[in-house]
Amino acid sequence: MDTQTPPQTPATWRKVLAAIFDFFTAFIFSGVVVGKLTGGMTEGGFELNGAPAIAVFAMIAAYFIIGRKFLGGTLWQRIFKA
């Protein structure tokens, strides 16, 4: 008889840390991309208002949705094995 052990769920700290790192990664990447495309770059980074800011938040949401549903996890979820 072959007994299988149920898969262990990852530690909560791994999930939380992965979510925080994923948010910052997606925010910085999408902010720079949208900033360069719309002229919202400043000496200190980027400054986005109105439609460009909404585009950044849409890209962040897409990052999480695509990562979880279609790629088997986001970048930091895979790194932390969360």
PDB file of N, CA and C in Angstrom:
ATOM      1  N   MET A   1       0.850  -1.169   0.000  1.00  0.00           N
ATOM      2  CA  MET A   1       0.000   0.000   0.000  1.00  0.00           C
ATOM      3  C   MET A   1       0.897   1.234   0.000  1.00  0.00           C
ATOM      4  N   ASP A   2       0.617   2.145  -0.902  1.00  0.00           N
ATOM      5  CA  ASP A   2       1.414   3.364  -1.043  1.00  0.00           C
ATOM      6  C   ASP A   2       0.693   4.515  -0.343  1.00  0.00           C
ATOM      7  N   THR A   3       1.277   4.993   0.719  1.00  0.00           N
ATOM      8  CA  THR A   3       0.673   6.115   1.429  1.00  0.00           C
ATOM      9  C   THR A   3       1.400   7.394   1.045  1.00  0.00           C
ATOM     10  N   GLN A   4       0.634   8.364   0.715  1.00  0.00           N
ATOM     11  CA  GLN A   4       1.205   9.655   0.340  1.00  0.00           C
ATOM     12  C   GLN A   4       0.964  10.648   1.458  1.00  0.00           C
ATOM     13  N   THR A   5       1.982  11.435   1.727  1.00  0.00           N
ATOM     14  CA  THR A   5       1.814  12.490   2.719  1.00  0.00           C
ATOM     15  C   THR A   5       1.243  13.709   2.013  1.00  0.00           C
ATOM     16  N   PRO A   6       0.316  14.386   2.647  1.00  0.00           N
ATOM     17  CA  PRO A   6      -0.255  15.571   2.006  1.00  0.00           C
ATOM     18  C   PRO A   6       0.813  16.655   1.855  1.00  0.00           C
ATOM     19  N   PRO A   7       0.714  17.443   0.781  1.00  0.00           N
ATOM     20  CA  PRO A   7       1.704  18.507   0.597  1.00  0.00           C
ATOM     21  C   PRO A   7       1.624  19.529   1.725  1.00  0.00           C
ATOM     22  N   GLN A   8       2.784  19.958   2.174  1.00  0.00           N
ATOM     23  CA  GLN A   8       2.815  20.937   3.251  1.00  0.00           C
ATOM     24  C   GLN A   8       2.537  22.326   2.692  1.00  0.00           C
ATOM     25  N   THR A   9       1.788  23.093   3.447  1.00  0.00           N
ATOM     26  CA  THR A   9       1.544  24.470   3.038  1.00  0.00           C
ATOM     27  C   THR A   9       2.738  25.311   3.473  1.00  0.00           C
ATOM     28  N   PRO A  10       3.125  26.287   2.653  1.00  0.00           N
ATOM     29  CA  PRO A  10       4.276  27.114   3.016  1.00  0.00           C
ATOM     30  C   PRO A  10       3.988  27.966   4.250  1.00  0.00           C
ATOM     31  N   ALA A  11       5.048  28.337   4.929  1.00  0.00           N
ATOM     32  CA  ALA A  11       4.917  29.158   6.134  1.00  0.00           C
ATOM     33  C   ALA A  11       4.299  30.510   5.781  1.00  0.00           C
ATOM     34  N   THR A  12       3.559  31.053   6.710  1.00  0.00           N
ATOM     35  CA  THR A  12       2.884  32.333   6.491  1.00  0.00           C
ATOM     36  C   THR A  12       3.887  33.438   6.195  1.00  0.00           C
ATOM     37  N   TRP A  13       5.036  33.446   6.871  1.00  0.00           N
ATOM     38  CA  TRP A  13       6.009  34.504   6.646  1.00  0.00           C
ATOM     39  C   TRP A  13       6.510  34.480   5.206  1.00  0.00           C
ATOM     40  N   ARG A  14       6.590  33.302   4.599  1.00  0.00           N
ATOM     41  CA  ARG A  14       7.020  33.217   3.196  1.00  0.00           C
ATOM     42  C   ARG A  14       5.984  33.859   2.269  1.00  0.00           C
ATOM     43  N   LYS A  15       4.722  33.591   2.533  1.00  0.00           N
ATOM     44  CA  LYS A  15       3.648  34.161   1.715  1.00  0.00           C
ATOM     45  C   LYS A  15       3.618  35.680   1.838  1.00  0.00           C
ATOM     46  N   VAL A  16       3.726  36.169   3.065  1.00  0.00           N
ATOM     47  CA  VAL A  16       3.666  37.616   3.306  1.00  0.00           C
ATOM     48  C   VAL A  16       4.865  38.318   2.678  1.00  0.00           C
ATOM     49  N   LEU A  17       6.056  37.781   2.898  1.00  0.00           N
ATOM     50  CA  LEU A  17       7.264  38.382   2.338  1.00  0.00           C
ATOM     51  C   LEU A  17       7.233  38.355   0.811  1.00  0.00           C
ATOM     52  N   ALA A  18       6.759  37.263   0.230  1.00  0.00           N
ATOM     53  CA  ALA A  18       6.650  37.174  -1.224  1.00  0.00           C
ATOM     54  C   ALA A  18       5.669  38.224  -1.750  1.00  0.00           C
ATOM     55  N   ALA A  19       4.544  38.409  -1.075  1.00  0.00           N
ATOM     56  CA  ALA A  19       3.552  39.395  -1.505  1.00  0.00           C
ATOM     57  C   ALA A  19       4.124  40.815  -1.450  1.00  0.00           C
ATOM     58  N   ILE A  20       4.855  41.126  -0.384  1.00  0.00           N
ATOM     59  CA  ILE A  20       5.451  42.460  -0.248  1.00  0.00           C
ATOM     60  C   ILE A  20       6.476  42.691  -1.348  1.00  0.00           C
ATOM     61  N   PHE A  21       7.384  41.730  -1.540  1.00  0.00           N
ATOM     62  CA  PHE A  21       8.408  41.863  -2.579  1.00  0.00           C
ATOM     63  C   PHE A  21       7.784  41.920  -3.974  1.00  0.00           C
ATOM     64  N   ASP A  22       6.739  41.121  -4.205  1.00  0.00           N
ATOM     65  CA  ASP A  22       6.054  41.147  -5.500  1.00  0.00           C
ATOM     66  C   ASP A  22       5.436  42.520  -5.763  1.00  0.00           C
ATOM     67  N   PHE A  23       4.805  43.086  -4.742  1.00  0.00           N
ATOM     68  CA  PHE A  23       4.185  44.398  -4.939  1.00  0.00           C
ATOM     69  C   PHE A  23       5.232  45.450  -5.297  1.00  0.00           C
ATOM     70  N   PHE A  24       6.325  45.484  -4.549  1.00  0.00           N
ATOM     71  CA  PHE A  24       7.358  46.479  -4.837  1.00  0.00           C
ATOM     72  C   PHE A  24       8.011  46.247  -6.193  1.00  0.00           C
ATOM     73  N   THR A  25       8.246  45.001  -6.549  1.00  0.00           N
ATOM     74  CA  THR A  25       8.823  44.685  -7.854  1.00  0.00           C
ATOM     75  C   THR A  25       7.901  45.154  -8.972  1.00  0.00           C
ATOM     76  N   ALA A  26       6.623  44.814  -8.876  1.00  0.00           N
ATOM     77  CA  ALA A  26       5.658  45.200  -9.905  1.00  0.00           C
ATOM     78  C   ALA A  26       5.480  46.718  -9.948  1.00  0.00           C
ATOM     79  N   PHE A  27       5.456  47.355  -8.785  1.00  0.00           N
ATOM     80  CA  PHE A  27       5.270  48.804  -8.722  1.00  0.00           C
ATOM     81  C   PHE A  27       6.434  49.542  -9.376  1.00  0.00           C
ATOM     82  N   ILE A  28       7.639  49.157  -9.022  1.00  0.00           N
ATOM     83  CA  ILE A  28       8.811  49.850  -9.572  1.00  0.00           C
ATOM     84  C   ILE A  28       8.920  49.607 -11.071  1.00  0.00           C
ATOM     85  N   PHE A  29       8.788  48.349 -11.491  1.00  0.00           N
ATOM     86  CA  PHE A  29       8.903  48.033 -12.913  1.00  0.00           C
ATOM     87  C   PHE A  29       7.839  48.759 -13.734  1.00  0.00           C
ATOM     88  N   SER A  30       6.577  48.633 -13.336  1.00  0.00           N
ATOM     89  CA  SER A  30       5.507  49.259 -14.115  1.00  0.00           C
ATOM     90  C   SER A  30       5.574  50.783 -14.025  1.00  0.00           C
ATOM     91  N   GLY A  31       5.985  51.324 -12.885  1.00  0.00           N
ATOM     92  CA  GLY A  31       6.114  52.776 -12.750  1.00  0.00           C
ATOM     93  C   GLY A  31       7.173  53.338 -13.682  1.00  0.00           C
ATOM     94  N   VAL A  32       8.311  52.647 -13.774  1.00  0.00           N
ATOM     95  CA  VAL A  32       9.370  53.109 -14.676  1.00  0.00           C
ATOM     96  C   VAL A  32       8.926  52.995 -16.131  1.00  0.00           C
ATOM     97  N   VAL A  33       8.302  51.873 -16.485  1.00  0.00           N
ATOM     98  CA  VAL A  33       7.851  51.681 -17.869  1.00  0.00           C
ATOM     99  C   VAL A  33       6.835  52.748 -18.260  1.00  0.00           C
ATOM    100  N   VAL A  34       5.818  52.932 -17.443  1.00  0.00           N
ATOM    101  CA  VAL A  34       4.790  53.932 -17.755  1.00  0.00           C
ATOM    102  C   VAL A  34       5.386  55.334 -17.688  1.00  0.00           C
ATOM    103  N   GLY A  35       6.265  55.583 -16.740  1.00  0.00           N
ATOM    104  CA  GLY A  35       6.907  56.893 -16.640  1.00  0.00           C
ATOM    105  C   GLY A  35       7.705  57.239 -17.886  1.00  0.00           C
ATOM    106  N   LYS A  36       8.450  56.274 -18.403  1.00  0.00           N
ATOM    107  CA  LYS A  36       9.232  56.523 -19.623  1.00  0.00           C
ATOM    108  C   LYS A  36       8.326  56.731 -20.829  1.00  0.00           C
ATOM    109  N   LEU A  37       7.230  55.985 -20.899  1.00  0.00           N
ATOM    110  CA  LEU A  37       6.322  56.105 -22.038  1.00  0.00           C
ATOM    111  C   LEU A  37       5.509  57.393 -22.018  1.00  0.00           C
ATOM    112  N   THR A  38       5.234  57.922 -20.821  1.00  0.00           N
ATOM    113  CA  THR A  38       4.371  59.103 -20.719  1.00  0.00           C
ATOM    114  C   THR A  38       5.114  60.374 -20.334  1.00  0.00           C
ATOM    115  N   GLY A  39       6.417  60.277 -20.156  1.00  0.00           N
ATOM    116  CA  GLY A  39       7.182  61.458 -19.772  1.00  0.00           C
ATOM    117  C   GLY A  39       7.065  61.803 -18.303  1.00  0.00           C
ATOM    118  N   GLY A  40       6.745  60.823 -17.478  1.00  0.00           N
ATOM    119  CA  GLY A  40       6.569  61.076 -16.049  1.00  0.00           C
ATOM    120  C   GLY A  40       7.815  60.808 -15.222  1.00  0.00           C
ATOM    121  N   MET A  41       8.970  60.724 -15.851  1.00  0.00           N
ATOM    122  CA  MET A  41      10.209  60.465 -15.114  1.00  0.00           C
ATOM    123  C   MET A  41      10.747  61.761 -14.514  1.00  0.00           C
ATOM    124  N   THR A  42      11.268  61.669 -13.289  1.00  0.00           N
ATOM    125  CA  THR A  42      11.880  62.809 -12.614  1.00  0.00           C
ATOM    126  C   THR A  42      13.290  62.398 -12.201  1.00  0.00           C
ATOM    127  N   GLU A  43      14.017  63.321 -11.620  1.00  0.00           N
ATOM    128  CA  GLU A  43      15.368  62.992 -11.156  1.00  0.00           C
ATOM    129  C   GLU A  43      15.339  61.922 -10.070  1.00  0.00           C
ATOM    130  N   GLY A  44      14.319  61.918  -9.261  1.00  0.00           N
ATOM    131  CA  GLY A  44      14.218  60.970  -8.160  1.00  0.00           C
ATOM    132  C   GLY A  44      13.467  59.692  -8.499  1.00  0.00           C
ATOM    133  N   GLY A  45      12.996  59.543  -9.713  1.00  0.00           N
ATOM    134  CA  GLY A  45      12.247  58.340 -10.088  1.00  0.00           C
ATOM    135  C   GLY A  45      11.155  58.667 -11.075  1.00  0.00           C
ATOM    136  N   PHE A  46       9.913  58.485 -10.641  1.00  0.00           N
ATOM    137  CA  PHE A  46       8.787  58.793 -11.528  1.00  0.00           C
ATOM    138  C   PHE A  46       7.672  59.428 -10.721  1.00  0.00           C
ATOM    139  N   GLU A  47       6.878  60.243 -11.420  1.00  0.00           N
ATOM    140  CA  GLU A  47       5.720  60.903 -10.815  1.00  0.00           C
ATOM    141  C   GLU A  47       4.576  60.775 -11.795  1.00  0.00           C
ATOM    142  N   LEU A  48       3.555  60.037 -11.396  1.00  0.00           N
ATOM    143  CA  LEU A  48       2.448  59.743 -12.296  1.00  0.00           C
ATOM    144  C   LEU A  48       1.133  60.182 -11.672  1.00  0.00           C
ATOM    145  N   ASN A  49       0.304  60.815 -12.471  1.00  0.00           N
ATOM    146  CA  ASN A  49      -1.017  61.266 -12.046  1.00  0.00           C
ATOM    147  C   ASN A  49      -2.031  60.876 -13.104  1.00  0.00           C
ATOM    148  N   GLY A  50      -3.271  60.720 -12.690  1.00  0.00           N
ATOM    149  CA  GLY A  50      -4.347  60.465 -13.630  1.00  0.00           C
ATOM    150  C   GLY A  50      -4.251  59.104 -14.305  1.00  0.00           C
ATOM    151  N   ALA A  51      -4.426  59.109 -15.628  1.00  0.00           N
ATOM    152  CA  ALA A  51      -4.451  57.864 -16.398  1.00  0.00           C
ATOM    153  C   ALA A  51      -3.152  57.059 -16.277  1.00  0.00           C
ATOM    154  N   PRO A  52      -1.963  57.686 -16.300  1.00  0.00           N
ATOM    155  CA  PRO A  52      -0.748  56.879 -16.127  1.00  0.00           C
ATOM    156  C   PRO A  52      -0.701  56.160 -14.775  1.00  0.00           C
ATOM    157  N   ALA A  53      -1.182  56.799 -13.729  1.00  0.00           N
ATOM    158  CA  ALA A  53      -1.205  56.149 -12.412  1.00  0.00           C
ATOM    159  C   ALA A  53      -2.167  54.965 -12.413  1.00  0.00           C
ATOM    160  N   ILE A  54      -3.300  55.121 -13.062  1.00  0.00           N
ATOM    161  CA  ILE A  54      -4.257  54.016 -13.165  1.00  0.00           C
ATOM    162  C   ILE A  54      -3.655  52.875 -13.979  1.00  0.00           C
ATOM    163  N   ALA A  55      -2.896  53.216 -15.016  1.00  0.00           N
ATOM    164  CA  ALA A  55      -2.237  52.187 -15.826  1.00  0.00           C
ATOM    165  C   ALA A  55      -1.242  51.394 -14.992  1.00  0.00           C
ATOM    166  N   VAL A  56      -0.523  52.059 -14.099  1.00  0.00           N
ATOM    167  CA  VAL A  56       0.428  51.355 -13.224  1.00  0.00           C
ATOM    168  C   VAL A  56      -0.315  50.373 -12.326  1.00  0.00           C
ATOM    169  N   PHE A  57      -1.394  50.799 -11.715  1.00  0.00           N
ATOM    170  CA  PHE A  57      -2.132  49.896 -10.840  1.00  0.00           C
ATOM    171  C   PHE A  57      -2.773  48.750 -11.620  1.00  0.00           C
ATOM    172  N   ALA A  58      -3.194  49.003 -12.861  1.00  0.00           N
ATOM    173  CA  ALA A  58      -3.715  47.921 -13.706  1.00  0.00           C
ATOM    174  C   ALA A  58      -2.614  46.918 -14.033  1.00  0.00           C
ATOM    175  N   MET A  59      -1.394  47.407 -14.276  1.00  0.00           N
ATOM    176  CA  MET A  59      -0.278  46.514 -14.553  1.00  0.00           C
ATOM    177  C   MET A  59       0.090  45.691 -13.320  1.00  0.00           C
ATOM    178  N   ILE A  60      -0.001  46.287 -12.144  1.00  0.00           N
ATOM    179  CA  ILE A  60       0.276  45.548 -10.908  1.00  0.00           C
ATOM    180  C   ILE A  60      -0.748  44.427 -10.731  1.00  0.00           C
ATOM    181  N   ALA A  61      -2.015  44.747 -10.945  1.00  0.00           N
ATOM    182  CA  ALA A  61      -3.061  43.727 -10.833  1.00  0.00           C
ATOM    183  C   ALA A  61      -2.843  42.620 -11.859  1.00  0.00           C
ATOM    184  N   ALA A  62      -2.488  42.991 -13.085  1.00  0.00           N
ATOM    185  CA  ALA A  62      -2.232  41.995 -14.125  1.00  0.00           C
ATOM    186  C   ALA A  62      -1.053  41.105 -13.756  1.00  0.00           C
ATOM    187  N   TYR A  63      -0.022  41.671 -13.148  1.00  0.00           N
ATOM    188  CA  TYR A  63       1.144  40.899 -12.710  1.00  0.00           C
ATOM    189  C   TYR A  63       0.721  39.781 -11.759  1.00  0.00           C
ATOM    190  N   PHE A  64      -0.101  40.124 -10.767  1.00  0.00           N
ATOM    191  CA  PHE A  64      -0.536  39.128  -9.795  1.00  0.00           C
ATOM    192  C   PHE A  64      -1.479  38.103 -10.420  1.00  0.00           C
ATOM    193  N   ILE A  65      -2.414  38.554 -11.246  1.00  0.00           N
ATOM    194  CA  ILE A  65      -3.380  37.639 -11.851  1.00  0.00           C
ATOM    195  C   ILE A  65      -2.694  36.679 -12.813  1.00  0.00           C
ATOM    196  N   ILE A  66      -1.886  37.212 -13.697  1.00  0.00           N
ATOM    197  CA  ILE A  66      -1.202  36.364 -14.679  1.00  0.00           C
ATOM    198  C   ILE A  66      -0.222  35.429 -13.986  1.00  0.00           C
ATOM    199  N   GLY A  67       0.519  35.945 -13.027  1.00  0.00           N
ATOM    200  CA  GLY A  67       1.478  35.119 -12.306  1.00  0.00           C
ATOM    201  C   GLY A  67       0.828  33.954 -11.590  1.00  0.00           C
ATOM    202  N   ARG A  68      -0.244  34.200 -10.906  1.00  0.00           N
ATOM    203  CA  ARG A  68      -0.886  33.142 -10.114  1.00  0.00           C
ATOM    204  C   ARG A  68      -1.679  32.167 -10.978  1.00  0.00           C
ATOM    205  N   LYS A  69      -2.437  32.681 -11.947  1.00  0.00           N
ATOM    206  CA  LYS A  69      -3.319  31.814 -12.718  1.00  0.00           C
ATOM    207  C   LYS A  69      -2.614  31.061 -13.838  1.00  0.00           C
ATOM    208  N   PHE A  70      -1.671  31.717 -14.498  1.00  0.00           N
ATOM    209  CA  PHE A  70      -1.124  31.135 -15.719  1.00  0.00           C
ATOM    210  C   PHE A  70       0.340  30.704 -15.626  1.00  0.00           C
ATOM    211  N   LEU A  71       1.089  31.222 -14.675  1.00  0.00           N
ATOM    212  CA  LEU A  71       2.512  30.923 -14.607  1.00  0.00           C
ATOM    213  C   LEU A  71       2.902  30.099 -13.380  1.00  0.00           C
ATOM    214  N   GLY A  72       1.933  29.694 -12.597  1.00  0.00           N
ATOM    215  CA  GLY A  72       2.233  28.858 -11.441  1.00  0.00           C
ATOM    216  C   GLY A  72       2.801  29.613 -10.254  1.00  0.00           C
ATOM    217  N   GLY A  73       2.649  30.906 -10.236  1.00  0.00           N
ATOM    218  CA  GLY A  73       3.134  31.720  -9.120  1.00  0.00           C
ATOM    219  C   GLY A  73       3.893  32.927  -9.626  1.00  0.00           C
ATOM    220  N   THR A  74       3.928  33.951  -8.811  1.00  0.00           N
ATOM    221  CA  THR A  74       4.658  35.158  -9.177  1.00  0.00           C
ATOM    222  C   THR A  74       6.155  34.925  -8.961  1.00  0.00           C
ATOM    223  N   LEU A  75       6.947  35.890  -9.353  1.00  0.00           N
ATOM    224  CA  LEU A  75       8.401  35.783  -9.239  1.00  0.00           C
ATOM    225  C   LEU A  75       8.830  35.443  -7.814  1.00  0.00           C
ATOM    226  N   TRP A  76       8.378  36.229  -6.850  1.00  0.00           N
ATOM    227  CA  TRP A  76       8.818  36.035  -5.469  1.00  0.00           C
ATOM    228  C   TRP A  76       8.150  34.843  -4.810  1.00  0.00           C
ATOM    229  N   GLN A  77       6.975  34.458  -5.250  1.00  0.00           N
ATOM    230  CA  GLN A  77       6.364  33.222  -4.737  1.00  0.00           C
ATOM    231  C   GLN A  77       7.223  32.029  -5.118  1.00  0.00           C
ATOM    232  N   ARG A  78       7.753  32.061  -6.316  1.00  0.00           N
ATOM    233  CA  ARG A  78       8.607  30.957  -6.763  1.00  0.00           C
ATOM    234  C   ARG A  78       9.946  30.979  -6.014  1.00  0.00           C
ATOM    235  N   ILE A  79      10.514  32.163  -5.819  1.00  0.00           N
ATOM    236  CA  ILE A  79      11.792  32.258  -5.115  1.00  0.00           C
ATOM    237  C   ILE A  79      11.655  31.764  -3.677  1.00  0.00           C
ATOM    238  N   PHE A  80      10.602  32.177  -2.989  1.00  0.00           N
ATOM    239  CA  PHE A  80      10.391  31.780  -1.600  1.00  0.00           C
ATOM    240  C   PHE A  80       9.657  30.451  -1.453  1.00  0.00           C
ATOM    241  N   LYS A  81       9.314  29.838  -2.571  1.00  0.00           N
ATOM    242  CA  LYS A  81       8.545  28.580  -2.563  1.00  0.00           C
ATOM    243  C   LYS A  81       7.281  28.714  -1.727  1.00  0.00           C
ATOM    244  N   ALA A  82       6.605  29.816  -1.973  1.00  0.00           N
ATOM    245  CA  ALA A  82       5.367  30.082  -1.223  1.00  0.00           C
ATOM    246  C   ALA A  82       4.204  29.606  -2.061  1.00  0.00           C
TER     247      ALA A  82
END
